Protein backbone atom coordinates (compact mmCIF):
# COMPACT_ATOMS: atom_id res chain seq x y z
CA UNK A 1 91.28 -63.50 -85.58
CA UNK A 2 93.14 -66.78 -85.06
CA UNK A 3 92.17 -69.00 -82.12
CA UNK A 4 95.24 -70.16 -80.18
CA UNK A 5 93.64 -71.96 -77.24
CA UNK A 6 90.22 -72.57 -75.68
CA UNK A 7 90.82 -73.93 -72.20
CA UNK A 8 89.48 -74.19 -68.64
CA UNK A 9 92.06 -73.00 -66.12
CA UNK A 10 91.72 -74.48 -62.61
CA UNK A 11 92.10 -72.31 -59.53
CA UNK A 12 95.61 -70.87 -59.17
CA UNK A 13 96.97 -72.68 -62.26
CA UNK A 14 98.77 -71.21 -65.29
CA UNK A 15 98.56 -71.81 -69.04
CA UNK A 16 101.67 -71.27 -71.15
CA UNK A 17 101.40 -69.75 -74.64
CA UNK A 18 104.61 -69.88 -76.73
CA UNK A 19 105.57 -66.74 -78.66
CA UNK A 20 105.34 -68.17 -82.17
CA UNK A 21 105.72 -65.86 -85.16
CA UNK A 22 104.45 -62.35 -84.53
CA UNK A 23 102.51 -62.85 -81.28
CA UNK A 24 102.91 -59.82 -79.00
CA UNK A 25 101.10 -58.56 -75.91
CA UNK A 26 99.36 -55.95 -78.10
CA UNK A 27 97.81 -58.42 -80.55
CA UNK A 28 96.84 -61.03 -77.94
CA UNK A 29 93.09 -61.10 -77.30
CA UNK A 30 91.74 -62.89 -74.23
CA UNK A 31 88.09 -63.61 -73.40
CA UNK A 32 87.52 -64.96 -69.91
CA UNK A 33 84.74 -65.92 -67.52
CA UNK A 34 86.72 -64.51 -64.57
CA UNK A 35 89.81 -62.65 -63.40
CA UNK A 36 93.17 -63.59 -64.87
CA UNK A 37 96.77 -62.38 -64.85
CA UNK A 38 99.03 -62.17 -67.93
CA UNK A 39 102.80 -62.36 -67.51
CA UNK A 40 105.13 -61.88 -70.49
CA UNK A 41 108.43 -63.76 -70.65
CA UNK A 42 111.09 -63.79 -73.39
CA UNK A 43 109.71 -66.84 -75.22
CA UNK A 44 106.16 -67.30 -73.86
CA UNK A 45 103.15 -65.75 -72.11
CA UNK A 46 101.76 -67.06 -68.84
CA UNK A 47 98.01 -66.71 -68.27
CA UNK A 48 97.09 -67.47 -64.68
CA UNK A 49 93.71 -67.92 -63.04
CA UNK A 50 93.39 -65.05 -60.53
CA UNK A 51 89.95 -65.96 -59.18
CA UNK A 52 89.68 -66.68 -55.47
CA UNK A 53 87.57 -69.84 -55.58
CA UNK A 54 86.65 -71.18 -59.05
CA UNK A 55 87.95 -72.32 -62.41
CA UNK A 56 87.63 -69.99 -65.42
CA UNK A 57 87.00 -70.59 -69.12
CA UNK A 58 89.52 -68.72 -71.32
CA UNK A 59 89.63 -68.18 -75.10
CA UNK A 60 92.98 -66.94 -76.35
CA UNK A 61 93.32 -65.58 -79.88
CA UNK A 62 95.34 -63.09 -81.90
CA UNK A 63 94.13 -60.01 -83.72
CA UNK A 64 94.86 -59.95 -87.43
C-alpha cells in the first residue's frame, strides 16, 4: 500500500488527487473519520467532505 495523502478536509471542501500512473477507482483506498464523496474525472479524483458540520481526517492510499 502506497500512501498518497494524509489530510484534514474542512467542511464542504474538496481535495484533488491527480491520476498518476495506474491509479484507478478500484485500487484507491480511503480511510476517513466521516462521510465523504468521491468523484472521478478524466485526469483526477475529487474527494469532498460530505459531513454536515465538521472537518474530517482522510488517508488516501493505493492498493498494490
